């Protein structure tokens, strides 16, 4: 009902009258329990990142994602402008960015806390090096890489300052850091992202809202300089079989024109340069 209500709220003034009546009718049906959504009534559990991604790893690469679809072109355009070097894929998961970095000639080190995710990443890119570790406690020396990429993972940190500081610590002066995150609009409006866990259960790994102002504070504390900030918009793609596809008109209207991902392009100033 939340998605239906969001679609109604956003289009109440300028929306088509028939569309608005459909939203009200849908809300009434769901409120009166006249119609069930997919997975309606399923048990929902919160998992910590280690347990959550262990469960998610088996199907993660097979799940279409509008977040990834709008994020990757922006990230790849940034990577295409960089010379090959030693690159870190922080919180690498199944190695999506590891593959992109290796394809561009980088020697890649992937770090993730999930052994299951690392196993998948190693299958995809056997030539990369992988290490077990946490985003806020990276197992790398100071100034040891030329580039760090962290995709859609900062959202799981209650405080992003330690994660940003760690990326700044391991990247050499003059190097670059690319961070992508779920846009705070999405988390504030939608809540948590659910996935199938076990036979008849749903689960989520908690996403935290990180406002742009908080990122700028973290970058400032770490002595980083912002080169660019990109906010790719929702592309109309809905997860197949999920509740949003069941109410596709409302879901697309709810998210239409809103950014769903934020991409930060920052650099570590060279010696003597001010951030």
Protein backbone atom coordinates (compact mmCIF):
# COMPACT_ATOMS: atom_id res chain seq x y z
CA UNK A 1 0.00 0.00 0.00
CA UNK A 2 2.95 2.30 0.59
CA UNK A 3 3.92 2.30 -3.10
CA UNK A 4 0.30 2.93 -4.11
CA UNK A 5 0.15 5.81 -1.62
CA UNK A 6 3.43 7.29 -2.85
CA UNK A 7 2.23 7.17 -6.45
CA UNK A 8 -1.03 8.86 -5.39
CA UNK A 9 0.79 11.54 -3.40
CA UNK A 10 3.28 12.39 -6.16
CA UNK A 11 0.64 12.65 -8.88
CA UNK A 12 -2.33 14.02 -6.91
CA UNK A 13 -2.13 17.49 -8.46
CA UNK A 14 -1.19 16.78 -12.08
CA UNK A 15 -2.09 13.11 -12.47
CA UNK A 16 -4.69 11.65 -14.79
CA UNK A 17 -8.03 11.28 -13.04
CA UNK A 18 -8.46 7.64 -14.09
CA UNK A 19 -4.96 6.83 -12.79
CA UNK A 20 -5.74 8.43 -9.43
CA UNK A 21 -9.03 6.51 -9.11
CA UNK A 22 -7.14 3.26 -9.82
CA UNK A 23 -4.70 4.01 -7.01
CA UNK A 24 -7.51 4.66 -4.54
CA UNK A 25 -9.28 1.46 -5.63
CA UNK A 26 -6.08 -0.56 -5.21
CA UNK A 27 -5.45 0.86 -1.74
CA UNK A 28 -9.03 0.01 -0.74
CA UNK A 29 -8.66 -3.60 -2.00
CA UNK A 30 -5.41 -4.15 -0.14
CA UNK A 31 -6.69 -2.46 3.04
CA UNK A 32 -9.79 -4.66 3.05
CA UNK A 33 -7.65 -7.72 2.31
CA UNK A 34 -9.61 -8.39 -0.87
CA UNK A 35 -6.43 -9.07 -2.83
CA UNK A 36 -3.04 -10.48 -1.80
CA UNK A 37 0.34 -9.26 -2.99
CA UNK A 38 3.05 -11.80 -3.89
CA UNK A 39 4.77 -12.97 -0.68
CA UNK A 40 2.01 -11.32 1.33
CA UNK A 41 2.14 -12.59 4.91
CA UNK A 42 5.66 -14.06 4.58
CA UNK A 43 7.91 -13.91 7.62
CA UNK A 44 10.54 -11.15 7.27
CA UNK A 45 13.85 -11.37 9.14
CA UNK A 46 16.68 -8.87 9.51
CA UNK A 47 20.10 -10.44 8.92
CA UNK A 48 23.53 -8.98 9.59
CA UNK A 49 25.67 -8.45 6.45
CA UNK A 50 27.62 -11.70 6.90
CA UNK A 51 24.53 -13.89 7.24
CA UNK A 52 22.54 -11.88 4.70
CA UNK A 53 25.06 -12.07 1.90
CA UNK A 54 25.79 -15.72 2.65
CA UNK A 55 22.12 -16.39 1.94
CA UNK A 56 21.95 -13.96 -0.99
CA UNK A 57 25.14 -15.15 -2.72
CA UNK A 58 23.55 -18.16 -4.43
CA UNK A 59 21.13 -16.02 -6.46
CA UNK A 60 22.65 -12.53 -6.33
CA UNK A 61 24.04 -12.52 -9.89
CA UNK A 62 20.80 -13.83 -11.38
CA UNK A 63 18.57 -11.07 -9.99
CA UNK A 64 17.86 -8.10 -12.30
CA UNK A 65 18.47 -4.79 -10.54
CA UNK A 66 17.48 -1.31 -11.64
CA UNK A 67 20.09 0.04 -9.23
CA UNK A 68 22.88 -1.78 -11.03
CA UNK A 69 21.43 -0.96 -14.46
CA UNK A 70 21.63 2.79 -13.84
CA UNK A 71 24.82 2.69 -11.77
CA UNK A 72 27.13 0.75 -14.08
CA UNK A 73 27.18 3.14 -17.08
CA UNK A 74 28.19 6.02 -14.80
CA UNK A 75 30.90 4.04 -13.02
CA UNK A 76 32.25 2.55 -16.24
CA UNK A 77 32.49 6.01 -17.83
CA UNK A 78 34.66 7.14 -14.90
CA UNK A 79 36.83 4.01 -15.05
CA UNK A 80 37.31 4.38 -18.80
CA UNK A 81 39.13 7.66 -18.19
CA UNK A 82 41.71 6.19 -15.79
CA UNK A 83 45.08 4.58 -16.49
CA UNK A 84 45.45 0.94 -15.38
CA UNK A 85 47.07 0.38 -12.01
CA UNK A 86 46.46 -1.43 -8.75
CA UNK A 87 42.75 -1.26 -7.95
CA UNK A 88 40.72 -2.21 -4.89
CA UNK A 89 37.17 -3.49 -5.15
CA UNK A 90 36.01 -2.83 -1.58
CA UNK A 91 33.05 -4.93 -0.43
CA UNK A 92 33.42 -6.69 -3.77
CA UNK A 93 30.52 -9.13 -3.37
CA UNK A 94 30.39 -11.50 -6.33
CA UNK A 95 32.98 -9.39 -8.12
CA UNK A 96 30.86 -7.26 -10.44
CA UNK A 97 33.29 -4.34 -10.31
CA UNK A 98 36.28 -6.67 -10.04
CA UNK A 99 35.44 -7.91 -13.53
CA UNK A 100 35.05 -4.36 -14.85
CA UNK A 101 38.39 -3.31 -13.38
CA UNK A 102 40.26 -6.38 -14.63
CA UNK A 103 38.80 -5.87 -18.13
CA UNK A 104 40.35 -2.38 -18.10
CA UNK A 105 43.82 -3.69 -17.29
CA UNK A 106 43.97 -3.14 -13.54
CA UNK A 107 45.56 -5.55 -11.10
CA UNK A 108 42.61 -6.04 -8.79
CA UNK A 109 42.35 -6.80 -5.09
CA UNK A 110 38.84 -7.69 -3.98
CA UNK A 111 37.88 -7.48 -0.31
CA UNK A 112 34.66 -8.77 1.22
CA UNK A 113 33.54 -10.10 4.59
CA UNK A 114 31.49 -12.93 3.02
CA UNK A 115 33.40 -16.11 2.08
CA UNK A 116 30.45 -17.13 -0.07
CA UNK A 117 30.57 -13.90 -2.05
CA UNK A 118 34.35 -14.13 -2.45
CA UNK A 119 34.00 -17.68 -3.78
CA UNK A 120 31.61 -16.42 -6.47
CA UNK A 121 33.91 -13.51 -7.29
CA UNK A 122 36.90 -15.84 -7.64
CA UNK A 123 34.96 -18.00 -10.10
CA UNK A 124 34.27 -14.95 -12.27
CA UNK A 125 37.77 -13.42 -12.11
CA UNK A 126 40.34 -16.09 -11.14
CA UNK A 127 43.21 -13.75 -11.96
CA UNK A 128 42.28 -11.26 -9.25
CA UNK A 129 43.46 -11.41 -5.64
CA UNK A 130 40.82 -11.72 -2.94
CA UNK A 131 41.08 -11.06 0.78
CA UNK A 132 38.60 -11.45 3.62
CA UNK A 133 37.97 -8.18 5.41
CA UNK A 134 35.55 -5.44 6.40
CA UNK A 135 34.88 -2.16 4.68
CA UNK A 136 35.79 -0.17 7.79
CA UNK A 137 38.90 -2.31 8.50
CA UNK A 138 40.49 -3.01 5.13
CA UNK A 139 43.34 -5.57 5.07
CA UNK A 140 45.63 -3.35 2.98
CA UNK A 141 48.63 -1.17 3.71
CA UNK A 142 48.53 2.61 3.59
CA UNK A 143 48.90 4.16 0.11
CA UNK A 144 48.90 0.72 -1.53
CA UNK A 145 46.44 1.13 -4.44
CA UNK A 146 45.87 3.66 -7.21
CA UNK A 147 42.11 3.33 -7.31
CA UNK A 148 39.36 2.12 -5.00
CA UNK A 149 35.80 1.28 -6.01
CA UNK A 150 33.04 0.61 -3.50
CA UNK A 151 29.64 -0.23 -4.97
CA UNK A 152 26.32 -0.19 -3.12
CA UNK A 153 27.86 -1.20 0.20
CA UNK A 154 28.26 1.96 2.30
CA UNK A 155 24.52 1.82 2.91
CA UNK A 156 25.09 -1.09 5.32
CA UNK A 157 27.33 1.01 7.60
CA UNK A 158 25.48 2.95 10.29
CA UNK A 159 28.22 5.59 10.04
CA UNK A 160 29.98 6.01 6.71
CA UNK A 161 32.89 8.07 8.12
CA UNK A 162 35.08 5.04 9.05
CA UNK A 163 34.47 3.42 5.64
CA UNK A 164 35.41 6.56 3.73
CA UNK A 165 38.46 7.06 5.95
CA UNK A 166 39.66 3.52 5.18
CA UNK A 167 39.35 4.03 1.44
CA UNK A 168 41.30 7.29 1.76
CA UNK A 169 43.98 5.53 3.83
CA UNK A 170 44.75 2.81 1.26
CA UNK A 171 44.67 4.99 -1.90
CA UNK A 172 47.89 6.70 -2.89
CA UNK A 173 48.12 10.51 -3.22
CA UNK A 174 46.79 11.43 -6.64
CA UNK A 175 44.60 8.32 -6.74
CA UNK A 176 40.86 8.08 -7.20
CA UNK A 177 37.94 6.67 -5.24
CA UNK A 178 34.57 5.83 -6.76
CA UNK A 179 31.74 5.19 -4.29
CA UNK A 180 28.18 4.28 -5.22
CA UNK A 181 25.32 4.05 -2.77
CA UNK A 182 21.58 3.68 -2.72
CA UNK A 183 20.16 7.17 -2.97
CA UNK A 184 18.78 8.42 0.36
CA UNK A 185 15.46 9.12 -1.37
CA UNK A 186 15.01 5.41 -2.04
CA UNK A 187 15.82 4.24 1.47
CA UNK A 188 13.74 6.97 3.12
CA UNK A 189 10.70 6.26 0.92
CA UNK A 190 10.94 2.52 0.34
CA UNK A 191 12.62 1.18 3.45
CA UNK A 192 14.54 -2.07 3.15
CA UNK A 193 15.27 -4.24 0.11
CA UNK A 194 13.85 -7.74 0.61
CA UNK A 195 15.21 -10.99 -0.81
CA UNK A 196 14.15 -14.61 -0.59
CA UNK A 197 15.73 -16.40 2.36
CA UNK A 198 15.05 -20.10 2.68
CA UNK A 199 11.91 -21.76 1.36
CA UNK A 200 9.14 -19.43 2.54
CA UNK A 201 10.87 -16.52 4.21
CA UNK A 202 12.01 -13.03 3.24
CA UNK A 203 14.98 -11.20 4.70
CA UNK A 204 16.89 -7.94 4.46
CA UNK A 205 20.27 -6.50 5.35
CA UNK A 206 19.63 -3.07 6.83
CA UNK A 207 20.21 -0.04 4.62
CA UNK A 208 21.03 3.24 6.36
CA UNK A 209 20.24 6.69 5.00
CA UNK A 210 23.41 8.64 4.18
CA UNK A 211 22.60 12.18 3.12
CA UNK A 212 24.90 13.99 0.67
CA UNK A 213 25.86 16.39 3.45
CA UNK A 214 27.11 13.44 5.50
CA UNK A 215 29.21 12.23 2.57
CA UNK A 216 30.70 15.68 2.14
CA UNK A 217 31.55 15.75 5.84
CA UNK A 218 33.21 12.32 5.57
CA UNK A 219 35.19 13.38 2.49
CA UNK A 220 36.31 16.53 4.24
CA UNK A 221 37.47 14.64 7.32
CA UNK A 222 39.45 12.23 5.13
CA UNK A 223 41.09 15.05 3.16
CA UNK A 224 39.46 14.02 -0.11
CA UNK A 225 38.48 16.26 -3.02
CA UNK A 226 35.17 15.76 -4.84
CA UNK A 227 35.46 15.67 -8.63
CA UNK A 228 31.86 14.78 -9.38
CA UNK A 229 28.54 13.59 -8.01
CA UNK A 230 26.05 11.77 -10.23
CA UNK A 231 22.44 10.84 -9.47
CA UNK A 232 21.11 8.44 -12.14
CA UNK A 233 17.33 8.27 -12.32
CA UNK A 234 14.96 5.31 -12.05
CA UNK A 235 14.84 3.59 -15.44
CA UNK A 236 11.41 1.97 -15.19
CA UNK A 237 12.77 -1.53 -14.55
CA UNK A 238 11.00 -3.57 -11.84
CA UNK A 239 12.19 -6.81 -10.27
CA UNK A 240 10.38 -9.70 -12.01
CA UNK A 241 7.95 -11.57 -9.78
CA UNK A 242 8.12 -9.04 -6.97
CA UNK A 243 5.32 -7.04 -5.42
CA UNK A 244 6.23 -3.90 -7.40
CA UNK A 245 5.74 -5.74 -10.70
CA UNK A 246 2.31 -6.79 -9.39
CA UNK A 247 1.39 -3.10 -9.09
CA UNK A 248 3.61 -1.92 -11.96
CA UNK A 249 1.68 1.23 -12.89
CA UNK A 250 1.80 2.52 -9.33
CA UNK A 251 5.45 1.52 -8.82
CA UNK A 252 6.66 3.23 -11.98
CA UNK A 253 4.65 6.34 -11.14
CA UNK A 254 6.01 6.34 -7.58
CA UNK A 255 9.67 6.30 -8.66
CA UNK A 256 9.39 8.19 -11.96
CA UNK A 257 11.97 10.97 -12.20
CA UNK A 258 13.64 10.15 -8.89
CA UNK A 259 17.33 9.30 -8.48
CA UNK A 260 17.83 5.80 -7.11
CA UNK A 261 21.63 5.71 -6.86
CA UNK A 262 24.32 8.27 -6.05
CA UNK A 263 27.81 7.96 -7.55
CA UNK A 264 30.71 9.89 -6.01
CA UNK A 265 33.96 10.49 -7.91
CA UNK A 266 36.64 11.73 -5.50
CA UNK A 267 40.40 11.90 -5.42
CA UNK A 268 43.19 11.86 -2.88
CA UNK A 269 45.12 15.12 -3.36
CA UNK A 270 48.78 14.82 -4.29
CA UNK A 271 51.36 15.98 -1.80
CA UNK A 272 51.06 19.68 -1.07
CA UNK A 273 47.63 20.04 -2.73
CA UNK A 274 44.74 21.33 -0.68
CA UNK A 275 41.62 19.11 -0.62
